[in-house]
């Protein structure tokens, strides 16, 4: 095997693994890349404000799956919220008005 073939094989594998990971996780909000200097696979999710790394594509994939499983709400919690909302047990406070939208007490609006 020549030296050029030896250097191309790992790059092709990295490219293939990145395409596979991106196809699986991009629609879930993940950005994935491979660090040439570190040789690690990386993933970032801005919605969850998290960055992960792994020495292999499989290790990174396991980390993503573990994080996604732990951040999903359990069905019982969601079911309780839905039931509480239906029965009226869930009372939310009114949304506050933005600053400056109300006239301050003791001041009159001045028109010119």
PDB file of N, CA and C in Angstrom:
ATOM      1  N   UNK A   1       0.852  -1.173   0.000  1.00  0.00           N
ATOM      2  CA  UNK A   1       0.000   0.000   0.000  1.00  0.00           C
ATOM      3  C   UNK A   1       0.891   1.226   0.000  1.00  0.00           C
ATOM      4  N   UNK A   2       0.545   2.223  -0.813  1.00  0.00           N
ATOM      5  CA  UNK A   2       1.362   3.429  -0.904  1.00  0.00           C
ATOM      6  C   UNK A   2       1.043   4.381   0.236  1.00  0.00           C
ATOM      7  N   UNK A   3       1.893   5.366   0.422  1.00  0.00           N
ATOM      8  CA  UNK A   3       1.712   6.331   1.507  1.00  0.00           C
ATOM      9  C   UNK A   3       0.473   7.190   1.284  1.00  0.00           C
ATOM     10  N   UNK A   4       0.158   7.515   0.021  1.00  0.00           N
ATOM     11  CA  UNK A   4      -1.026   8.337  -0.239  1.00  0.00           C
ATOM     12  C   UNK A   4      -2.312   7.581   0.056  1.00  0.00           C
ATOM     13  N   UNK A   5      -2.341   6.300  -0.213  1.00  0.00           N
ATOM     14  CA  UNK A   5      -3.539   5.507   0.102  1.00  0.00           C
ATOM     15  C   UNK A   5      -3.718   5.380   1.602  1.00  0.00           C
ATOM     16  N   UNK A   6      -2.638   5.282   2.345  1.00  0.00           N
ATOM     17  CA  UNK A   6      -2.725   5.154   3.798  1.00  0.00           C
ATOM     18  C   UNK A   6      -3.286   6.423   4.423  1.00  0.00           C
ATOM     19  N   UNK A   7      -2.965   7.587   3.859  1.00  0.00           N
ATOM     20  CA  UNK A   7      -3.483   8.833   4.422  1.00  0.00           C
ATOM     21  C   UNK A   7      -4.909   9.113   3.967  1.00  0.00           C
ATOM     22  N   UNK A   8      -5.331   8.589   2.819  1.00  0.00           N
ATOM     23  CA  UNK A   8      -6.693   8.829   2.335  1.00  0.00           C
ATOM     24  C   UNK A   8      -7.728   7.973   3.043  1.00  0.00           C
ATOM     25  N   UNK A   9      -7.391   6.783   3.408  1.00  0.00           N
ATOM     26  CA  UNK A   9      -8.373   5.869   4.004  1.00  0.00           C
ATOM     27  C   UNK A   9      -9.000   6.433   5.275  1.00  0.00           C
ATOM     28  N   UNK A  10      -8.226   6.942   6.252  1.00  0.00           N
ATOM     29  CA  UNK A  10      -8.864   7.493   7.450  1.00  0.00           C
ATOM     30  C   UNK A  10      -9.724   8.719   7.136  1.00  0.00           C
ATOM     31  N   UNK A  11      -9.307   9.565   6.206  1.00  0.00           N
ATOM     32  CA  UNK A  11     -10.068  10.761   5.860  1.00  0.00           C
ATOM     33  C   UNK A  11     -11.421  10.377   5.269  1.00  0.00           C
ATOM     34  N   UNK A  12     -11.428   9.370   4.414  1.00  0.00           N
ATOM     35  CA  UNK A  12     -12.678   8.895   3.827  1.00  0.00           C
ATOM     36  C   UNK A  12     -13.594   8.354   4.919  1.00  0.00           C
ATOM     37  N   UNK A  13     -13.024   7.630   5.851  1.00  0.00           N
ATOM     38  CA  UNK A  13     -13.816   7.092   6.944  1.00  0.00           C
ATOM     39  C   UNK A  13     -14.411   8.215   7.799  1.00  0.00           C
ATOM     40  N   UNK A  14     -13.616   9.235   8.073  1.00  0.00           N
ATOM     41  CA  UNK A  14     -14.092  10.377   8.849  1.00  0.00           C
ATOM     42  C   UNK A  14     -15.226  11.072   8.102  1.00  0.00           C
ATOM     43  N   UNK A  15     -15.040  11.290   6.814  1.00  0.00           N
ATOM     44  CA  UNK A  15     -16.065  11.937   6.004  1.00  0.00           C
ATOM     45  C   UNK A  15     -17.353  11.122   5.999  1.00  0.00           C
ATOM     46  N   UNK A  16     -17.214   9.824   5.841  1.00  0.00           N
ATOM     47  CA  UNK A  16     -18.392   8.943   5.849  1.00  0.00           C
ATOM     48  C   UNK A  16     -19.100   9.003   7.206  1.00  0.00           C
ATOM     49  N   UNK A  17     -18.350   8.949   8.290  1.00  0.00           N
ATOM     50  CA  UNK A  17     -18.944   8.992   9.632  1.00  0.00           C
ATOM     51  C   UNK A  17     -19.642  10.332   9.873  1.00  0.00           C
ATOM     52  N   UNK A  18     -19.026  11.433   9.430  1.00  0.00           N
ATOM     53  CA  UNK A  18     -19.647  12.745   9.602  1.00  0.00           C
ATOM     54  C   UNK A  18     -20.955  12.850   8.821  1.00  0.00           C
ATOM     55  N   UNK A  19     -20.984  12.351   7.600  1.00  0.00           N
ATOM     56  CA  UNK A  19     -22.222  12.374   6.810  1.00  0.00           C
ATOM     57  C   UNK A  19     -23.313  11.562   7.505  1.00  0.00           C
ATOM     58  N   UNK A  20     -22.937  10.411   8.048  1.00  0.00           N
ATOM     59  CA  UNK A  20     -23.905   9.570   8.750  1.00  0.00           C
ATOM     60  C   UNK A  20     -24.451  10.281   9.988  1.00  0.00           C
ATOM     61  N   UNK A  21     -23.559  10.874  10.790  1.00  0.00           N
ATOM     62  CA  UNK A  21     -23.990  11.577  12.001  1.00  0.00           C
ATOM     63  C   UNK A  21     -24.851  12.793  11.668  1.00  0.00           C
ATOM     64  N   UNK A  22     -24.433  13.546  10.669  1.00  0.00           N
ATOM     65  CA  UNK A  22     -25.202  14.734  10.295  1.00  0.00           C
ATOM     66  C   UNK A  22     -26.590  14.369   9.792  1.00  0.00           C
ATOM     67  N   UNK A  23     -26.678  13.290   9.022  1.00  0.00           N
ATOM     68  CA  UNK A  23     -27.983  12.845   8.527  1.00  0.00           C
ATOM     69  C   UNK A  23     -28.904  12.453   9.686  1.00  0.00           C
ATOM     70  N   UNK A  24     -28.325  11.900  10.728  1.00  0.00           N
ATOM     71  CA  UNK A  24     -29.135  11.439  11.861  1.00  0.00           C
ATOM     72  C   UNK A  24     -29.491  12.557  12.843  1.00  0.00           C
ATOM     73  N   UNK A  25     -28.610  13.542  13.015  1.00  0.00           N
ATOM     74  CA  UNK A  25     -28.806  14.498  14.107  1.00  0.00           C
ATOM     75  C   UNK A  25     -29.006  15.955  13.701  1.00  0.00           C
ATOM     76  N   UNK A  26     -28.792  16.315  12.476  1.00  0.00           N
ATOM     77  CA  UNK A  26     -28.939  17.715  12.082  1.00  0.00           C
ATOM     78  C   UNK A  26     -30.371  18.199  12.286  1.00  0.00           C
ATOM     79  N   UNK A  27     -31.360  17.369  11.934  1.00  0.00           N
ATOM     80  CA  UNK A  27     -32.762  17.782  12.083  1.00  0.00           C
ATOM     81  C   UNK A  27     -33.179  17.905  13.548  1.00  0.00           C
ATOM     82  N   UNK A  28     -32.364  17.408  14.454  1.00  0.00           N
ATOM     83  CA  UNK A  28     -32.647  17.556  15.890  1.00  0.00           C
ATOM     84  C   UNK A  28     -31.937  18.775  16.482  1.00  0.00           C
ATOM     85  N   UNK A  29     -31.265  19.566  15.640  1.00  0.00           N
ATOM     86  CA  UNK A  29     -30.623  20.780  16.116  1.00  0.00           C
ATOM     87  C   UNK A  29     -29.141  20.657  16.414  1.00  0.00           C
ATOM     88  N   UNK A  30     -28.513  19.557  16.042  1.00  0.00           N
ATOM     89  CA  UNK A  30     -27.095  19.341  16.328  1.00  0.00           C
ATOM     90  C   UNK A  30     -26.231  19.792  15.159  1.00  0.00           C
ATOM     91  N   UNK A  31     -25.094  20.396  15.478  1.00  0.00           N
ATOM     92  CA  UNK A  31     -24.054  20.720  14.515  1.00  0.00           C
ATOM     93  C   UNK A  31     -22.883  19.802  14.816  1.00  0.00           C
ATOM     94  N   UNK A  32     -22.394  19.080  13.810  1.00  0.00           N
ATOM     95  CA  UNK A  32     -21.333  18.091  14.026  1.00  0.00           C
ATOM     96  C   UNK A  32     -20.119  18.391  13.158  1.00  0.00           C
ATOM     97  N   UNK A  33     -18.928  18.125  13.708  1.00  0.00           N
ATOM     98  CA  UNK A  33     -17.698  18.305  12.949  1.00  0.00           C
ATOM     99  C   UNK A  33     -16.599  17.421  13.508  1.00  0.00           C
ATOM    100  N   UNK A  34     -15.522  17.343  12.756  1.00  0.00           N
ATOM    101  CA  UNK A  34     -14.359  16.553  13.169  1.00  0.00           C
ATOM    102  C   UNK A  34     -13.181  17.496  13.301  1.00  0.00           C
ATOM    103  N   UNK A  35     -12.500  17.441  14.430  1.00  0.00           N
ATOM    104  CA  UNK A  35     -11.326  18.279  14.646  1.00  0.00           C
ATOM    105  C   UNK A  35     -10.087  17.611  14.087  1.00  0.00           C
ATOM    106  N   UNK A  36      -9.534  18.170  13.029  1.00  0.00           N
ATOM    107  CA  UNK A  36      -8.333  17.576  12.445  1.00  0.00           C
ATOM    108  C   UNK A  36      -7.155  17.617  13.410  1.00  0.00           C
ATOM    109  N   UNK A  37      -7.048  18.670  14.199  1.00  0.00           N
ATOM    110  CA  UNK A  37      -5.934  18.785  15.138  1.00  0.00           C
ATOM    111  C   UNK A  37      -6.084  17.812  16.308  1.00  0.00           C
ATOM    112  N   UNK A  38      -7.311  17.637  16.803  1.00  0.00           N
ATOM    113  CA  UNK A  38      -7.540  16.765  17.953  1.00  0.00           C
ATOM    114  C   UNK A  38      -7.834  15.335  17.552  1.00  0.00           C
ATOM    115  N   UNK A  39      -8.372  15.155  16.340  1.00  0.00           N
ATOM    116  CA  UNK A  39      -8.763  13.826  15.896  1.00  0.00           C
ATOM    117  C   UNK A  39     -10.064  13.362  16.528  1.00  0.00           C
ATOM    118  N   UNK A  40     -10.785  14.284  17.183  1.00  0.00           N
ATOM    119  CA  UNK A  40     -12.036  13.941  17.855  1.00  0.00           C
ATOM    120  C   UNK A  40     -13.239  14.403  17.043  1.00  0.00           C
ATOM    121  N   UNK A  41     -14.360  13.774  17.324  1.00  0.00           N
ATOM    122  CA  UNK A  41     -15.643  14.172  16.754  1.00  0.00           C
ATOM    123  C   UNK A  41     -16.303  15.104  17.769  1.00  0.00           C
ATOM    124  N   UNK A  42     -16.949  16.162  17.260  1.00  0.00           N
ATOM    125  CA  UNK A  42     -17.559  17.170  18.117  1.00  0.00           C
ATOM    126  C   UNK A  42     -19.001  17.408  17.703  1.00  0.00           C
ATOM    127  N   UNK A  43     -19.829  17.786  18.685  1.00  0.00           N
ATOM    128  CA  UNK A  43     -21.229  18.124  18.424  1.00  0.00           C
ATOM    129  C   UNK A  43     -21.626  19.268  19.341  1.00  0.00           C
ATOM    130  N   UNK A  44     -22.424  20.187  18.807  1.00  0.00           N
ATOM    131  CA  UNK A  44     -22.930  21.307  19.600  1.00  0.00           C
ATOM    132  C   UNK A  44     -24.425  21.442  19.359  1.00  0.00           C
ATOM    133  N   UNK A  45     -25.140  21.786  20.424  1.00  0.00           N
ATOM    134  CA  UNK A  45     -26.576  22.037  20.335  1.00  0.00           C
ATOM    135  C   UNK A  45     -26.830  23.373  21.012  1.00  0.00           C
ATOM    136  N   UNK A  46     -27.162  24.395  20.213  1.00  0.00           N
ATOM    137  CA  UNK A  46     -27.323  25.732  20.781  1.00  0.00           C
ATOM    138  C   UNK A  46     -28.580  25.853  21.627  1.00  0.00           C
ATOM    139  N   UNK A  47     -29.617  25.116  21.292  1.00  0.00           N
ATOM    140  CA  UNK A  47     -30.851  25.162  22.087  1.00  0.00           C
ATOM    141  C   UNK A  47     -30.645  24.655  23.497  1.00  0.00           C
ATOM    142  N   UNK A  48     -29.810  23.655  23.649  1.00  0.00           N
ATOM    143  CA  UNK A  48     -29.530  23.096  24.977  1.00  0.00           C
ATOM    144  C   UNK A  48     -28.258  23.672  25.577  1.00  0.00           C
ATOM    145  N   UNK A  49     -27.543  24.511  24.802  1.00  0.00           N
ATOM    146  CA  UNK A  49     -26.297  25.135  25.249  1.00  0.00           C
ATOM    147  C   UNK A  49     -25.302  24.088  25.740  1.00  0.00           C
ATOM    148  N   UNK A  50     -25.002  23.129  24.846  1.00  0.00           N
ATOM    149  CA  UNK A  50     -24.105  22.042  25.212  1.00  0.00           C
ATOM    150  C   UNK A  50     -23.169  21.743  24.052  1.00  0.00           C
ATOM    151  N   UNK A  51     -21.962  21.311  24.387  1.00  0.00           N
ATOM    152  CA  UNK A  51     -20.992  20.863  23.399  1.00  0.00           C
ATOM    153  C   UNK A  51     -20.428  19.535  23.900  1.00  0.00           C
ATOM    154  N   UNK A  52     -20.337  18.570  22.994  1.00  0.00           N
ATOM    155  CA  UNK A  52     -19.857  17.231  23.338  1.00  0.00           C
ATOM    156  C   UNK A  52     -18.698  16.854  22.433  1.00  0.00           C
ATOM    157  N   UNK A  53     -17.847  15.951  22.910  1.00  0.00           N
ATOM    158  CA  UNK A  53     -16.788  15.415  22.061  1.00  0.00           C
ATOM    159  C   UNK A  53     -16.644  13.929  22.326  1.00  0.00           C
ATOM    160  N   UNK A  54     -16.072  13.250  21.353  1.00  0.00           N
ATOM    161  CA  UNK A  54     -15.825  11.816  21.488  1.00  0.00           C
ATOM    162  C   UNK A  54     -14.640  11.416  20.642  1.00  0.00           C
ATOM    163  N   UNK A  55     -13.932  10.392  21.081  1.00  0.00           N
ATOM    164  CA  UNK A  55     -12.769   9.913  20.332  1.00  0.00           C
ATOM    165  C   UNK A  55     -13.172   9.161  19.076  1.00  0.00           C
ATOM    166  N   UNK A  56     -14.431   8.731  18.999  1.00  0.00           N
ATOM    167  CA  UNK A  56     -14.936   8.044  17.814  1.00  0.00           C
ATOM    168  C   UNK A  56     -16.359   8.529  17.540  1.00  0.00           C
ATOM    169  N   UNK A  57     -16.832   8.249  16.344  1.00  0.00           N
ATOM    170  CA  UNK A  57     -18.198   8.633  15.993  1.00  0.00           C
ATOM    171  C   UNK A  57     -19.203   7.911  16.887  1.00  0.00           C
ATOM    172  N   UNK A  58     -18.919   6.667  17.216  1.00  0.00           N
ATOM    173  CA  UNK A  58     -19.825   5.891  18.066  1.00  0.00           C
ATOM    174  C   UNK A  58     -19.874   6.461  19.481  1.00  0.00           C
ATOM    175  N   UNK A  59     -18.733   6.911  19.993  1.00  0.00           N
ATOM    176  CA  UNK A  59     -18.691   7.494  21.333  1.00  0.00           C
ATOM    177  C   UNK A  59     -19.482   8.806  21.373  1.00  0.00           C
ATOM    178  N   UNK A  60     -19.343   9.621  20.344  1.00  0.00           N
ATOM    179  CA  UNK A  60     -20.095  10.872  20.274  1.00  0.00           C
ATOM    180  C   UNK A  60     -21.587  10.599  20.153  1.00  0.00           C
ATOM    181  N   UNK A  61     -21.944   9.627  19.335  1.00  0.00           N
ATOM    182  CA  UNK A  61     -23.353   9.263  19.160  1.00  0.00           C
ATOM    183  C   UNK A  61     -23.968   8.795  20.482  1.00  0.00           C
ATOM    184  N   UNK A  62     -23.217   8.013  21.240  1.00  0.00           N
ATOM    185  CA  UNK A  62     -23.703   7.551  22.541  1.00  0.00           C
ATOM    186  C   UNK A  62     -23.908   8.730  23.493  1.00  0.00           C
ATOM    187  N   UNK A  63     -23.005   9.706  23.454  1.00  0.00           N
ATOM    188  CA  UNK A  63     -23.137  10.890  24.301  1.00  0.00           C
ATOM    189  C   UNK A  63     -24.356  11.719  23.946  1.00  0.00           C
ATOM    190  N   UNK A  64     -24.612  11.867  22.644  1.00  0.00           N
ATOM    191  CA  UNK A  64     -25.782  12.622  22.199  1.00  0.00           C
ATOM    192  C   UNK A  64     -27.058  11.918  22.648  1.00  0.00           C
ATOM    193  N   UNK A  65     -27.127  10.618  22.422  1.00  0.00           N
ATOM    194  CA  UNK A  65     -28.322   9.858  22.808  1.00  0.00           C
ATOM    195  C   UNK A  65     -28.558   9.930  24.316  1.00  0.00           C
ATOM    196  N   UNK A  66     -27.506   9.813  25.092  1.00  0.00           N
ATOM    197  CA  UNK A  66     -27.623   9.878  26.554  1.00  0.00           C
ATOM    198  C   UNK A  66     -28.155  11.245  26.984  1.00  0.00           C
ATOM    199  N   UNK A  67     -27.625  12.306  26.391  1.00  0.00           N
ATOM    200  CA  UNK A  67     -28.067  13.654  26.736  1.00  0.00           C
ATOM    201  C   UNK A  67     -29.519  13.873  26.323  1.00  0.00           C
ATOM    202  N   UNK A  68     -29.886  13.408  25.145  1.00  0.00           N
ATOM    203  CA  UNK A  68     -31.263  13.591  24.693  1.00  0.00           C
ATOM    204  C   UNK A  68     -32.242  12.804  25.557  1.00  0.00           C
ATOM    205  N   UNK A  69     -31.866  11.617  25.984  1.00  0.00           N
ATOM    206  CA  UNK A  69     -32.750  10.823  26.854  1.00  0.00           C
ATOM    207  C   UNK A  69     -32.956  11.512  28.198  1.00  0.00           C
ATOM    208  N   UNK A  70     -31.890  12.096  28.742  1.00  0.00           N
ATOM    209  CA  UNK A  70     -32.003  12.718  30.063  1.00  0.00           C
ATOM    210  C   UNK A  70     -32.735  14.050  30.018  1.00  0.00           C
ATOM    211  N   UNK A  71     -32.789  14.707  28.853  1.00  0.00           N
ATOM    212  CA  UNK A  71     -33.439  16.016  28.774  1.00  0.00           C
ATOM    213  C   UNK A  71     -34.892  15.941  28.328  1.00  0.00           C
ATOM    214  N   UNK A  72     -35.370  14.768  27.946  1.00  0.00           N
ATOM    215  CA  UNK A  72     -36.774  14.623  27.545  1.00  0.00           C
ATOM    216  C   UNK A  72     -37.659  14.564  28.788  1.00  0.00           C
ATOM    217  N   UNK A  73     -38.798  15.258  28.760  1.00  0.00           N
ATOM    218  CA  UNK A  73     -39.707  15.154  29.902  1.00  0.00           C
ATOM    219  C   UNK A  73     -40.350  13.777  29.947  1.00  0.00           C
ATOM    220  N   UNK A  74     -40.551  13.290  31.132  1.00  0.00           N
ATOM    221  CA  UNK A  74     -41.182  11.977  31.254  1.00  0.00           C
ATOM    222  C   UNK A  74     -42.658  12.095  30.926  1.00  0.00           C
ATOM    223  N   UNK A  75     -43.261  11.017  30.494  1.00  0.00           N
ATOM    224  CA  UNK A  75     -44.668  11.035  30.112  1.00  0.00           C
ATOM    225  C   UNK A  75     -45.566  11.334  31.303  1.00  0.00           C
ATOM    226  N   UNK A  76     -45.182  10.864  32.480  1.00  0.00           N
ATOM    227  CA  UNK A  76     -46.033  11.116  33.642  1.00  0.00           C
ATOM    228  C   UNK A  76     -46.054  12.598  33.974  1.00  0.00           C
ATOM    229  N   UNK A  77     -44.934  13.276  33.849  1.00  0.00           N
ATOM    230  CA  UNK A  77     -44.900  14.708  34.120  1.00  0.00           C
ATOM    231  C   UNK A  77     -45.766  15.446  33.114  1.00  0.00           C
ATOM    232  N   UNK A  78     -45.639  15.122  31.846  1.00  0.00           N
ATOM    233  CA  UNK A  78     -46.436  15.762  30.818  1.00  0.00           C
ATOM    234  C   UNK A  78     -47.918  15.455  31.025  1.00  0.00           C
ATOM    235  N   UNK A  79     -48.233  14.219  31.350  1.00  0.00           N
ATOM    236  CA  UNK A  79     -49.632  13.841  31.581  1.00  0.00           C
ATOM    237  C   UNK A  79     -50.212  14.621  32.768  1.00  0.00           C
ATOM    238  N   UNK A  80     -49.421  14.802  33.812  1.00  0.00           N
ATOM    239  CA  UNK A  80     -49.900  15.573  34.968  1.00  0.00           C
ATOM    240  C   UNK A  80     -50.175  17.020  34.595  1.00  0.00           C
ATOM    241  N   UNK A  81     -49.315  17.611  33.798  1.00  0.00           N
ATOM    242  CA  UNK A  81     -49.523  18.994  33.377  1.00  0.00           C
ATOM    243  C   UNK A  81     -50.778  19.136  32.531  1.00  0.00           C
ATOM    244  N   UNK A  82     -50.989  18.196  31.612  1.00  0.00           N
ATOM    245  CA  UNK A  82     -52.183  18.235  30.769  1.00  0.00           C
ATOM    246  C   UNK A  82     -53.432  18.070  31.617  1.00  0.00           C
ATOM    247  N   UNK A  83     -53.415  17.130  32.554  1.00  0.00           N
ATOM    248  CA  UNK A  83     -54.568  16.907  33.423  1.00  0.00           C
ATOM    249  C   UNK A  83     -54.834  18.121  34.305  1.00  0.00           C
ATOM    250  N   UNK A  84     -53.780  18.716  34.837  1.00  0.00           N
ATOM    251  CA  UNK A  84     -53.949  19.894  35.686  1.00  0.00           C
ATOM    252  C   UNK A  84     -54.526  21.051  34.878  1.00  0.00           C
ATOM    253  N   UNK A  85     -54.103  21.187  33.645  1.00  0.00           N
ATOM    254  CA  UNK A  85     -54.613  22.259  32.806  1.00  0.00           C
ATOM    255  C   UNK A  85     -56.090  22.053  32.486  1.00  0.00           C
ATOM    256  N   UNK A  86     -56.483  20.812  32.230  1.00  0.00           N
ATOM    257  CA  UNK A  86     -57.885  20.511  31.910  1.00  0.00           C
ATOM    258  C   UNK A  86     -58.796  20.761  33.096  1.00  0.00           C
ATOM    259  N   UNK A  87     -58.333  20.440  34.286  1.00  0.00           N
ATOM    260  CA  UNK A  87     -59.171  20.594  35.472  1.00  0.00           C
ATOM    261  C   UNK A  87     -59.105  21.992  36.053  1.00  0.00           C
ATOM    262  N   UNK A  88     -58.230  22.826  35.535  1.00  0.00           N
ATOM    263  CA  UNK A  88     -58.127  24.186  36.049  1.00  0.00           C
ATOM    264  C   UNK A  88     -57.215  24.289  37.248  1.00  0.00           C
ATOM    265  N   UNK A  89     -56.509  23.226  37.585  1.00  0.00           N
ATOM    266  CA  UNK A  89     -55.633  23.253  38.739  1.00  0.00           C
ATOM    267  C   UNK A  89     -54.347  24.024  38.471  1.00  0.00           C
ATOM    268  N   UNK A  90     -54.041  24.209  37.234  1.00  0.00           N
ATOM    269  CA  UNK A  90     -52.820  24.902  36.873  1.00  0.00           C
ATOM    270  C   UNK A  90     -53.145  26.358  36.585  1.00  0.00           C
ATOM    271  N   UNK A  91     -52.743  27.235  37.476  1.00  0.00           N
ATOM    272  CA  UNK A  91     -53.006  28.659  37.319  1.00  0.00           C
ATOM    273  C   UNK A  91     -51.693  29.379  37.055  1.00  0.00           C
ATOM    274  N   UNK A  92     -51.642  30.037  35.930  1.00  0.00           N
ATOM    275  CA  UNK A  92     -50.450  30.787  35.584  1.00  0.00           C
ATOM    276  C   UNK A  92     -50.709  32.262  35.845  1.00  0.00           C
ATOM    277  N   UNK A  93     -49.684  32.965  36.305  1.00  0.00           N
ATOM    278  CA  UNK A  93     -49.826  34.395  36.536  1.00  0.00           C
ATOM    279  C   UNK A  93     -49.892  35.110  35.190  1.00  0.00           C
ATOM    280  N   UNK A  94     -50.556  36.264  35.147  1.00  0.00           N
ATOM    281  CA  UNK A  94     -50.631  36.983  33.883  1.00  0.00           C
ATOM    282  C   UNK A  94     -49.242  37.461  33.452  1.00  0.00           C
ATOM    283  N   UNK A  95     -49.073  37.545  32.160  1.00  0.00           N
ATOM    284  CA  UNK A  95     -47.792  37.976  31.624  1.00  0.00           C
ATOM    285  C   UNK A  95     -47.599  39.457  31.934  1.00  0.00           C
ATOM    286  N   UNK A  96     -46.418  39.834  32.432  1.00  0.00           N
ATOM    287  CA  UNK A  96     -46.203  41.248  32.744  1.00  0.00           C
ATOM    288  C   UNK A  96     -46.117  42.084  31.469  1.00  0.00           C
ATOM    289  N   UNK A  97     -46.536  43.346  31.576  1.00  0.00           N
ATOM    290  CA  UNK A  97     -46.458  44.258  30.451  1.00  0.00           C
ATOM    291  C   UNK A  97     -45.016  44.738  30.294  1.00  0.00           C
ATOM    292  N   UNK A  98     -44.610  45.059  29.087  1.00  0.00           N
ATOM    293  CA  UNK A  98     -43.251  45.560  28.885  1.00  0.00           C
ATOM    294  C   UNK A  98     -43.038  46.889  29.600  1.00  0.00           C
ATOM    295  N   UNK A  99     -41.798  47.189  29.926  1.00  0.00           N
ATOM    296  CA  UNK A  99     -41.483  48.448  30.598  1.00  0.00           C
ATOM    297  C   UNK A  99     -41.911  49.626  29.736  1.00  0.00           C
ATOM    298  N   UNK A 100     -42.471  50.622  30.392  1.00  0.00           N
ATOM    299  CA  UNK A 100     -42.866  51.832  29.686  1.00  0.00           C
ATOM    300  C   UNK A 100     -44.221  51.749  29.015  1.00  0.00           C
ATOM    301  N   UNK A 101     -44.892  50.611  29.112  1.00  0.00           N
ATOM    302  CA  UNK A 101     -46.193  50.497  28.443  1.00  0.00           C
ATOM    303  C   UNK A 101     -47.323  51.044  29.303  1.00  0.00           C
ATOM    304  N   UNK A 102     -47.092  51.218  30.602  1.00  0.00           N
ATOM    305  CA  UNK A 102     -48.094  51.779  31.501  1.00  0.00           C
ATOM    306  C   UNK A 102     -47.674  53.186  31.912  1.00  0.00           C
ATOM    307  N   UNK A 103     -48.661  54.043  32.119  1.00  0.00           N
ATOM    308  CA  UNK A 103     -48.352  55.360  32.673  1.00  0.00           C
ATOM    309  C   UNK A 103     -48.009  55.179  34.141  1.00  0.00           C
ATOM    310  N   UNK A 104     -46.968  55.834  34.574  1.00  0.00           N
ATOM    311  CA  UNK A 104     -46.567  55.735  35.982  1.00  0.00           C
ATOM    312  C   UNK A 104     -47.547  56.472  36.866  1.00  0.00           C
ATOM    313  N   UNK A 105     -47.696  55.989  38.066  1.00  0.00           N
ATOM    314  CA  UNK A 105     -48.615  56.573  39.036  1.00  0.00           C
ATOM    315  C   UNK A 105     -48.181  58.005  39.330  1.00  0.00           C
ATOM    316  N   UNK A 106     -49.116  58.943  39.217  1.00  0.00           N
ATOM    317  CA  UNK A 106     -48.828  60.334  39.542  1.00  0.00           C
ATOM    318  C   UNK A 106     -48.281  61.138  38.375  1.00  0.00           C
ATOM    319  N   UNK A 107     -48.143  60.532  37.210  1.00  0.00           N
ATOM    320  CA  UNK A 107     -47.654  61.281  36.064  1.00  0.00           C
ATOM    321  C   UNK A 107     -48.733  61.291  34.994  1.00  0.00           C
ATOM    322  N   UNK A 108     -48.765  62.327  34.253  1.00  0.00           N
ATOM    323  CA  UNK A 108     -49.754  62.438  33.178  1.00  0.00           C
ATOM    324  C   UNK A 108     -49.031  62.377  31.847  1.00  0.00           C
ATOM    325  N   UNK A 109     -49.688  61.783  30.873  1.00  0.00           N
ATOM    326  CA  UNK A 109     -49.098  61.724  29.545  1.00  0.00           C
ATOM    327  C   UNK A 109     -49.106  63.122  28.954  1.00  0.00           C
ATOM    328  N   UNK A 110     -47.998  63.535  28.393  1.00  0.00           N
ATOM    329  CA  UNK A 110     -47.878  64.874  27.816  1.00  0.00           C
ATOM    330  C   UNK A 110     -47.931  64.751  26.300  1.00  0.00           C
ATOM    331  N   UNK A 111     -48.850  65.489  25.693  1.00  0.00           N
ATOM    332  CA  UNK A 111     -48.957  65.500  24.230  1.00  0.00           C
ATOM    333  C   UNK A 111     -48.541  66.873  23.737  1.00  0.00           C
ATOM    334  N   UNK A 112     -47.834  66.866  22.649  1.00  0.00           N
ATOM    335  CA  UNK A 112     -47.419  68.157  22.093  1.00  0.00           C
ATOM    336  C   UNK A 112     -48.034  68.393  20.747  1.00  0.00           C
TER     337      UNK A 112
END
